[in-house]
C-alpha atoms as a PDB file:
ATOM      1  CA  ASP A   1      10.750  -6.568 -18.561  1.00  0.00           C
ATOM      2  CA  THR A   2       9.606  -3.398 -20.740  1.00  0.00           C
ATOM      3  CA  THR A   3       6.964  -1.815 -18.515  1.00  0.00           C
ATOM      4  CA  HIS A   4       6.827   0.087 -15.260  1.00  0.00           C
ATOM      5  CA  LEU A   5       4.147   1.315 -13.200  1.00  0.00           C
ATOM      6  CA  GLN A   6       3.589   5.099 -12.489  1.00  0.00           C
ATOM      7  CA  ILE A   7       1.428   6.548  -9.636  1.00  0.00           C
ATOM      8  CA  CYS A   8       0.170   9.968 -10.290  1.00  0.00           C
ATOM      9  CA  VAL A   9      -2.299  12.349  -8.688  1.00  0.00           C
ATOM     10  CA  CYS A  10      -4.689  14.770 -10.355  1.00  0.00           C
ATOM     11  CA  GLU A  11      -7.578  17.034  -9.353  1.00  0.00           C
ATOM     12  CA  VAL A  12     -11.018  15.671  -9.812  1.00  0.00           C
ATOM     13  CA  SER A  13     -14.488  16.940  -9.204  1.00  0.00           C
ATOM     14  CA  ASN A  14     -16.652  16.074  -6.137  1.00  0.00           C
ATOM     15  CA  GLY A  15     -18.349  13.206  -7.626  1.00  0.00           C
ATOM     16  CA  VAL A  16     -22.071  12.816  -9.410  1.00  0.00           C
ATOM     17  CA  GLY A  17     -25.262  12.617  -8.391  1.00  0.00           C
ATOM     18  CA  GLY A  18     -27.310   9.773  -6.912  1.00  0.00           C
ATOM     19  CA  ALA A  19     -27.235   7.568  -3.539  1.00  0.00           C
ATOM     20  CA  SER A  20     -24.451   7.442  -1.332  1.00  0.00           C
ATOM     21  CA  SER A  21     -23.197   3.920  -0.751  1.00  0.00           C
ATOM     22  CA  PHE A  22     -22.143   4.665   2.712  1.00  0.00           C
ATOM     23  CA  ASN A  23     -22.891   6.743   6.022  1.00  0.00           C
ATOM     24  CA  PRO A  24     -20.726   9.757   6.180  1.00  0.00           C
ATOM     25  CA  GLN A  25     -21.409   9.652   9.694  1.00  0.00           C
ATOM     26  CA  GLN A  26     -19.648   6.438  10.384  1.00  0.00           C
ATOM     27  CA  LEU A  27     -16.461   7.644   8.878  1.00  0.00           C
ATOM     28  CA  GLU A  28     -13.696   9.392  11.441  1.00  0.00           C
ATOM     29  CA  GLU A  29     -11.609  12.493  10.477  1.00  0.00           C
ATOM     30  CA  CYS A  30      -8.555  10.269   9.470  1.00  0.00           C
ATOM     31  CA  ASP A  31     -10.842   8.376   6.971  1.00  0.00           C
ATOM     32  CA  VAL A  32     -11.747  11.320   4.856  1.00  0.00           C
ATOM     33  CA  LEU A  33      -9.440  11.280   1.531  1.00  0.00           C
ATOM     34  CA  SER A  34      -8.654  14.770   0.042  1.00  0.00           C
ATOM     35  CA  HIS A  35      -9.882  16.039  -3.218  1.00  0.00           C
ATOM     36  CA  GLU A  36      -7.363  14.015  -5.396  1.00  0.00           C
ATOM     37  CA  THR A  37      -7.568  10.353  -6.798  1.00  0.00           C
ATOM     38  CA  SER A  38      -4.610   8.145  -7.652  1.00  0.00           C
ATOM     39  CA  LEU A  39      -4.237   6.968 -11.324  1.00  0.00           C
ATOM     40  CA  LEU A  40      -2.459   3.916 -12.417  1.00  0.00           C
ATOM     41  CA  SER A  41      -0.722   3.688 -15.707  1.00  0.00           C
ATOM     42  CA  ARG A  42       1.506   1.238 -17.708  1.00  0.00           C
ATOM     43  CA  LEU A  43       4.274   3.048 -19.760  1.00  0.00           C
ATOM     44  CA  ASP A  44       6.533   1.230 -22.358  1.00  0.00           C
ATOM     45  CA  VAL A  45      10.175   2.357 -21.451  1.00  0.00           C
ATOM     46  CA  ALA A  46      11.292   2.250 -24.971  1.00  0.00           C
ATOM     47  CA  THR A  47       8.618   4.402 -26.759  1.00  0.00           C
ATOM     48  CA  HIS A  48       7.445   6.366 -23.463  1.00  0.00           C
ATOM     49  CA  THR A  49       3.975   5.785 -24.402  1.00  0.00           C
ATOM     50  CA  THR A  50       1.068   4.315 -22.651  1.00  0.00           C
ATOM     51  CA  SER A  51       1.052   0.480 -23.639  1.00  0.00           C
ATOM     52  CA  HIS A  52      -2.199  -0.423 -21.463  1.00  0.00           C
ATOM     53  CA  GLN A  53      -5.170   1.144 -20.136  1.00  0.00           C
ATOM     54  CA  VAL A  54      -7.023  -0.728 -17.330  1.00  0.00           C
ATOM     55  CA  THR A  55     -10.435  -0.254 -16.049  1.00  0.00           C
ATOM     56  CA  THR A  56     -10.708  -1.564 -12.575  1.00  0.00           C
ATOM     57  CA  ASN A  57     -13.598  -2.779 -10.672  1.00  0.00           C
ATOM     58  CA  HIS A  58     -14.173  -1.164  -7.089  1.00  0.00           C
ATOM     59  CA  SER A  59     -13.986  -4.015  -5.475  1.00  0.00           C
ATOM     60  CA  SER A  60     -10.825  -5.900  -7.048  1.00  0.00           C
ATOM     61  CA  LEU A  61      -8.060  -5.422  -9.267  1.00  0.00           C
ATOM     62  CA  GLU A  62      -8.157  -8.798 -10.791  1.00  0.00           C
ATOM     63  CA  GLU A  63     -11.537  -7.644 -12.508  1.00  0.00           C
ATOM     64  CA  CYS A  64      -9.848  -5.532 -15.065  1.00  0.00           C
ATOM     65  CA  ASP A  65     -10.027  -5.037 -18.989  1.00  0.00           C
ATOM     66  CA  VAL A  66      -7.916  -3.743 -21.362  1.00  0.00           C
ATOM     67  CA  LEU A  67      -8.826  -0.827 -23.697  1.00  0.00           C
ATOM     68  CA  SER A  68      -7.227  -0.033 -27.146  1.00  0.00           C
ATOM     69  CA  HIS A  69      -4.768   2.567 -28.037  1.00  0.00           C
ATOM     70  CA  GLU A  70      -7.684   4.349 -29.995  1.00  0.00           C
ATOM     71  CA  THR A  71      -9.271   5.643 -26.434  1.00  0.00           C
ATOM     72  CA  THR A  72      -8.753   9.031 -25.211  1.00  0.00           C
ATOM     73  CA  SER A  73      -7.058   8.159 -21.930  1.00  0.00           C
ATOM     74  CA  HIS A  74      -4.465   5.771 -20.870  1.00  0.00           C
ATOM     75  CA  GLN A  75      -4.786   5.978 -17.106  1.00  0.00           C
ATOM     76  CA  VAL A  76      -7.396   4.436 -14.577  1.00  0.00           C
ATOM     77  CA  ASN A  77      -9.123   5.738 -11.380  1.00  0.00           C
ATOM     78  CA  LEU A  78      -8.353   3.347  -8.681  1.00  0.00           C
ATOM     79  CA  GLY A  79     -11.837   3.697  -7.810  1.00  0.00           C
ATOM     80  CA  GLY A  80     -11.746   5.114  -4.171  1.00  0.00           C
ATOM     81  CA  HIS A  81      -8.963   2.532  -3.156  1.00  0.00           C
ATOM     82  CA  GLN A  82      -6.409   4.869  -1.489  1.00  0.00           C
ATOM     83  CA  TRP A  83      -2.862   4.188  -2.405  1.00  0.00           C
ATOM     84  CA  LEU A  84      -0.596   3.623   0.387  1.00  0.00           C
ATOM     85  CA  PHE A  85       2.873   2.517  -0.896  1.00  0.00           C
ATOM     86  CA  ASN A  86       4.961   0.833  -3.234  1.00  0.00           C
ATOM     87  CA  VAL A  87       7.294  -2.113  -2.335  1.00  0.00           C
ATOM     88  CA  GLN A  88       9.719  -4.255  -4.603  1.00  0.00           C
ATOM     89  CA  LEU A  89       8.877  -7.734  -3.691  1.00  0.00           C
ATOM     90  CA  GLU A  90      10.703  -9.443  -6.745  1.00  0.00           C
ATOM     91  CA  PRO A  91      13.940  -8.218  -8.363  1.00  0.00           C
ATOM     92  CA  SER A  92      12.593  -9.194 -12.110  1.00  0.00           C
ATOM     93  CA  SER A  93       9.163  -7.588 -11.639  1.00  0.00           C
ATOM     94  CA  VAL A  94       7.512  -4.240 -11.280  1.00  0.00           C
ATOM     95  CA  PRO A  95       6.950  -2.873  -7.869  1.00  0.00           C
ATOM     96  CA  ALA A  96       3.816  -4.102  -6.152  1.00  0.00           C
ATOM     97  CA  ILE A  97       1.355  -1.255  -5.073  1.00  0.00           C
ATOM     98  CA  CYS A  98      -0.557  -1.510  -1.608  1.00  0.00           C
ATOM     99  CA  LEU A  99      -4.069  -0.191  -1.534  1.00  0.00           C
ATOM    100  CA  ARG A 100      -6.583   0.556   1.205  1.00  0.00           C
ATOM    101  CA  HIS A 101      -9.461  -1.929   1.022  1.00  0.00           C
ATOM    102  CA  ASP A 102     -11.959  -0.753   3.863  1.00  0.00           C
ATOM    103  CA  VAL A 103      -9.847  -1.018   6.872  1.00  0.00           C
ATOM    104  CA  ASP A 104      -7.184  -3.313   5.431  1.00  0.00           C
ATOM    105  CA  GLY A 105      -4.114  -2.761   3.187  1.00  0.00           C
ATOM    106  CA  CYS A 106      -4.042  -4.980   0.122  1.00  0.00           C
ATOM    107  CA  VAL A 107      -0.817  -5.625  -1.901  1.00  0.00           C
ATOM    108  CA  TRP A 108      -1.208  -5.975  -5.750  1.00  0.00           C
ATOM    109  CA  GLN A 109       1.348  -7.292  -7.877  1.00  0.00           C
ATOM    110  CA  ALA A 110       1.187  -6.403 -11.744  1.00  0.00           C
ATOM    111  CA  ARG A 111       2.300  -9.315 -14.094  1.00  0.00           C
ATOM    112  CA  THR A 112       3.901  -8.764 -17.201  1.00  0.00           C
ATOM    113  CA  THR A 113       2.335  -9.292 -20.477  1.00  0.00           C
ATOM    114  CA  THR A 114       3.789 -10.472 -24.232  1.00  0.00           C
ATOM    115  CA  SER A 115       1.305  -9.017 -26.025  1.00  0.00           C
ATOM    116  CA  GLU A 116      -0.530  -5.306 -26.581  1.00  0.00           C
ATOM    117  CA  LYS A 117      -3.892  -7.019 -26.731  1.00  0.00           C
ATOM    118  CA  ALA A 118      -3.486  -9.530 -23.731  1.00  0.00           C
ATOM    119  CA  ASP A 119      -5.026  -8.866 -20.263  1.00  0.00           C
ATOM    120  CA  TRP A 120      -2.726  -7.010 -17.655  1.00  0.00           C
ATOM    121  CA  PRO A 121      -3.280  -9.004 -14.749  1.00  0.00           C
ATOM    122  CA  CYS A 122      -2.565  -7.839 -11.122  1.00  0.00           C
ATOM    123  CA  GLN A 123      -2.515 -10.560  -8.461  1.00  0.00           C
ATOM    124  CA  HIS A 124      -3.423  -9.942  -4.716  1.00  0.00           C
ATOM    125  CA  VAL A 125      -0.432 -11.247  -3.054  1.00  0.00           C
ATOM    126  CA  GLY A 126      -0.764 -10.297   0.571  1.00  0.00           C
ATOM    127  CA  THR A 127      -2.875  -8.437   3.425  1.00  0.00           C
ATOM    128  CA  PHE A 128      -2.065  -5.972   6.301  1.00  0.00           C
ATOM    129  CA  LEU A 129      -4.768  -6.404   8.332  1.00  0.00           C
ATOM    130  CA  ALA A 130      -6.358  -3.186   9.701  1.00  0.00           C
ATOM    131  CA  PHE A 131      -3.291  -1.082   8.366  1.00  0.00           C
ATOM    132  CA  GLY A 132      -5.602   0.792   6.014  1.00  0.00           C
ATOM    133  CA  TYR A 133      -7.331   2.058   9.320  1.00  0.00           C
ATOM    134  CA  VAL A 134      -4.226   2.469  11.353  1.00  0.00           C
ATOM    135  CA  GLN A 135      -1.822   4.478   9.016  1.00  0.00           C
ATOM    136  CA  ALA A 136      -4.794   6.867   8.489  1.00  0.00           C
ATOM    137  CA  SER A 137      -4.181   8.124  12.196  1.00  0.00           C
ATOM    138  CA  LYS A 138      -0.457   8.613  11.527  1.00  0.00           C
ATOM    139  CA  THR A 139      -0.887  12.124  10.426  1.00  0.00           C
ATOM    140  CA  GLN A 140       2.981  12.897  10.789  1.00  0.00           C
ATOM    141  CA  LYS A 141       4.039   9.790   8.667  1.00  0.00           C
ATOM    142  CA  LYS A 142       6.904  10.588   5.870  1.00  0.00           C
ATOM    143  CA  PHE A 143       7.725   7.257   4.858  1.00  0.00           C
ATOM    144  CA  THR A 144       5.665   3.910   4.397  1.00  0.00           C
ATOM    145  CA  VAL A 145       7.627   0.448   3.478  1.00  0.00           C
ATOM    146  CA  CYS A 146       7.212  -3.117   4.184  1.00  0.00           C
ATOM    147  CA  ALA A 147       9.498  -6.159   3.985  1.00  0.00           C
ATOM    148  CA  PRO A 148       9.512  -7.960   0.508  1.00  0.00           C
ATOM    149  CA  ASP A 149       8.060 -11.030   2.507  1.00  0.00           C
ATOM    150  CA  LEU A 150       5.418  -8.974   3.523  1.00  0.00           C
ATOM    151  CA  SER A 151       6.288  -9.991   7.348  1.00  0.00           C
ATOM    152  CA  TYR A 152       6.028  -6.383   8.719  1.00  0.00           C
ATOM    153  CA  VAL A 153       5.139  -3.092   7.639  1.00  0.00           C
ATOM    154  CA  ALA A 154       6.496   0.152   9.022  1.00  0.00           C
ATOM    155  CA  VAL A 155       5.416   4.033   9.473  1.00  0.00           C
ATOM    156  CA  CYS A 156       8.159   6.415   9.706  1.00  0.00           C
ATOM    157  CA  GLU A 157       7.571  10.123  10.631  1.00  0.00           C
ATOM    158  CA  ALA A 158       9.601  12.774   9.517  1.00  0.00           C
ATOM    159  CA  THR A 159      11.665  12.580  12.796  1.00  0.00           C
ATOM    160  CA  ARG A 160      12.492   9.894  15.610  1.00  0.00           C
ATOM    161  CA  HIS A 161       9.227   7.752  15.663  1.00  0.00           C
ATOM    162  CA  ILE A 162       8.732   4.544  13.648  1.00  0.00           C
ATOM    163  CA  TYR A 163       5.840   2.350  14.023  1.00  0.00           C
ATOM    164  CA  LEU A 164       6.390  -1.321  13.250  1.00  0.00           C
ATOM    165  CA  TYR A 165       3.336  -3.619  12.328  1.00  0.00           C
ATOM    166  CA  ARG A 166       3.954  -7.488  12.287  1.00  0.00           C
ATOM    167  CA  GLN A 167       1.860  -9.890  10.690  1.00  0.00           C
ATOM    168  CA  PRO A 168      -0.431 -12.392  12.887  1.00  0.00           C
ATOM    169  CA  SER A 169       1.572 -15.268  14.566  1.00  0.00           C
ATOM    170  CA  THR A 170       0.717 -18.198  16.120  1.00  0.00           C
ATOM    171  CA  ILE A 171       1.192 -18.350  19.911  1.00  0.00           C
ATOM    172  CA  SER A 172       1.690 -21.496  21.970  1.00  0.00           C
ATOM    173  CA  THR A 173       0.375 -20.217  25.214  1.00  0.00           C
ATOM    174  CA  GLU A 174      -3.272 -20.009  26.525  1.00  0.00           C
ATOM    175  CA  LEU A 175      -4.916 -16.568  25.681  1.00  0.00           C
ATOM    176  CA  ARG A 176      -8.541 -15.885  25.795  1.00  0.00           C
ATOM    177  CA  ASN A 177     -10.627 -12.651  24.782  1.00  0.00           C
ATOM    178  CA  ARG A 178     -11.586 -11.147  28.237  1.00  0.00           C
ATOM    179  CA  ARG A 179     -14.893 -10.108  26.791  1.00  0.00           C
ATOM    180  CA  THR A 180     -16.097 -12.766  24.724  1.00  0.00           C
ATOM    181  CA  GLY A 181     -14.357 -15.774  26.271  1.00  0.00           C
ATOM    182  CA  GLU A 182     -13.021 -17.003  22.843  1.00  0.00           C
ATOM    183  CA  HIS A 183      -9.682 -18.649  22.343  1.00  0.00           C
ATOM    184  CA  VAL A 184      -7.257 -16.489  20.325  1.00  0.00           C
ATOM    185  CA  ALA A 185      -4.989 -18.514  18.277  1.00  0.00           C
ATOM    186  CA  HIS A 186      -2.962 -15.475  16.646  1.00  0.00           C
ATOM    187  CA  VAL A 187      -1.500 -12.532  17.859  1.00  0.00           C
ATOM    188  CA  ALA A 188      -0.238  -9.467  15.812  1.00  0.00           C
ATOM    189  CA  LYS A 189       2.362  -7.410  17.490  1.00  0.00           C
ATOM    190  CA  GLN A 190       2.903  -3.688  17.230  1.00  0.00           C
ATOM    191  CA  GLN A 191       6.195  -1.785  18.357  1.00  0.00           C
ATOM    192  CA  LEU A 192       7.167   1.663  18.849  1.00  0.00           C
ATOM    193  CA  VAL A 193      11.000   2.684  17.823  1.00  0.00           C
ATOM    194  CA  SER A 194      12.336   5.916  19.250  1.00  0.00           C
ATOM    195  CA  LEU A 195      15.592   6.899  17.864  1.00  0.00           C
ATOM    196  CA  ASP A 196      18.079   8.873  20.088  1.00  0.00           C
ATOM    197  CA  SER A 197      18.102  11.691  17.412  1.00  0.00           C
ATOM    198  CA  THR A 198      15.741  14.381  16.463  1.00  0.00           C
ATOM    199  CA  SER A 199      17.391  14.813  13.181  1.00  0.00           C
ATOM    200  CA  GLU A 200      15.223  14.781   9.880  1.00  0.00           C
ATOM    201  CA  VAL A 201      14.711  11.153   8.558  1.00  0.00           C
ATOM    202  CA  LEU A 202      15.740  11.271   4.948  1.00  0.00           C
ATOM    203  CA  GLY A 203      14.785   7.989   3.714  1.00  0.00           C
ATOM    204  CA  VAL A 204      13.613   4.292   4.867  1.00  0.00           C
ATOM    205  CA  HIS A 205      14.618   0.775   3.459  1.00  0.00           C
ATOM    206  CA  ALA A 206      13.082  -2.729   4.552  1.00  0.00           C
ATOM    207  CA  SER A 207      14.264  -5.773   4.009  1.00  0.00           C
ATOM    208  CA  ASN A 208      13.024  -9.084   5.408  1.00  0.00           C
ATOM    209  CA  HIS A 209      15.006  -9.172   8.624  1.00  0.00           C
ATOM    210  CA  VAL A 210      16.520  -5.368   8.721  1.00  0.00           C
ATOM    211  CA  LEU A 211      15.013  -1.985   8.706  1.00  0.00           C
ATOM    212  CA  TYR A 212      17.151   0.734   7.656  1.00  0.00           C
ATOM    213  CA  VAL A 213      16.700   4.218   8.350  1.00  0.00           C
ATOM    214  CA  LEU A 214      18.650   7.390   6.972  1.00  0.00           C
ATOM    215  CA  THR A 215      18.750  10.514   9.057  1.00  0.00           C
ATOM    216  CA  SER A 216      20.728  13.709   8.199  1.00  0.00           C
ATOM    217  CA  ASP A 217      23.666  12.721  10.439  1.00  0.00           C
ATOM    218  CA  MET A 218      23.524   8.736  10.917  1.00  0.00           C
ATOM    219  CA  LEU A 219      22.316   5.575   9.328  1.00  0.00           C
ATOM    220  CA  TYR A 220      20.335   3.280  11.847  1.00  0.00           C
ATOM    221  CA  THR A 221      19.929  -0.279  11.021  1.00  0.00           C
ATOM    222  CA  LEU A 222      17.047  -1.920  13.114  1.00  0.00           C
ATOM    223  CA  GLN A 223      16.823  -5.907  13.595  1.00  0.00           C
ATOM    224  CA  VAL A 224      13.373  -6.466  13.271  1.00  0.00           C
ATOM    225  CA  ASN A 225      13.438 -10.334  12.315  1.00  0.00           C
ATOM    226  CA  CYS A 226      15.936 -12.923  13.279  1.00  0.00           C
END
């Protein structure tokens, strides 16, 4: 694979005129984005030049068009979809990216193309329900990672605390919503891990079964899935 993804940040203006598509009064403080925007570029590792420019639809990364090299820009505004984290899902592919779509976190995998004029497809490969909303409230987060099989996502603070959010799983017992009386077939479990150290967290890596946490004085291995 001769390409890789780059996420970069730049300053932008506050927007243009016209009617707003949402009600600002419905937003909470954790939902307000900074005056920065994420840009997605595709670079050729041999020439260090941009091989593709993608114009994305605000509602889907799959609806994209590739512009020619004669265009003045080789980057794409992600359309207000906040970048959350990168994850290596396949050893032979470029890292996938997780973007916030409304309250959810959607994972997109860019696929390789063989021609400069070919489309640059981005495939939706998974969703973390409500994670876009949940992670916005974690103001002390330092690292966000997920398992390659997307079975869980973890938010790690600078010291001690790690929040684990698992994908919904089927339950065999009878469970009903107390308010509506509806039968609940799936439950998504959340866990808080408190390390027995207040040392700074230097790095985190997630595998399908184990979460590795490196602090300034110790390496922790947390068994997440059996």
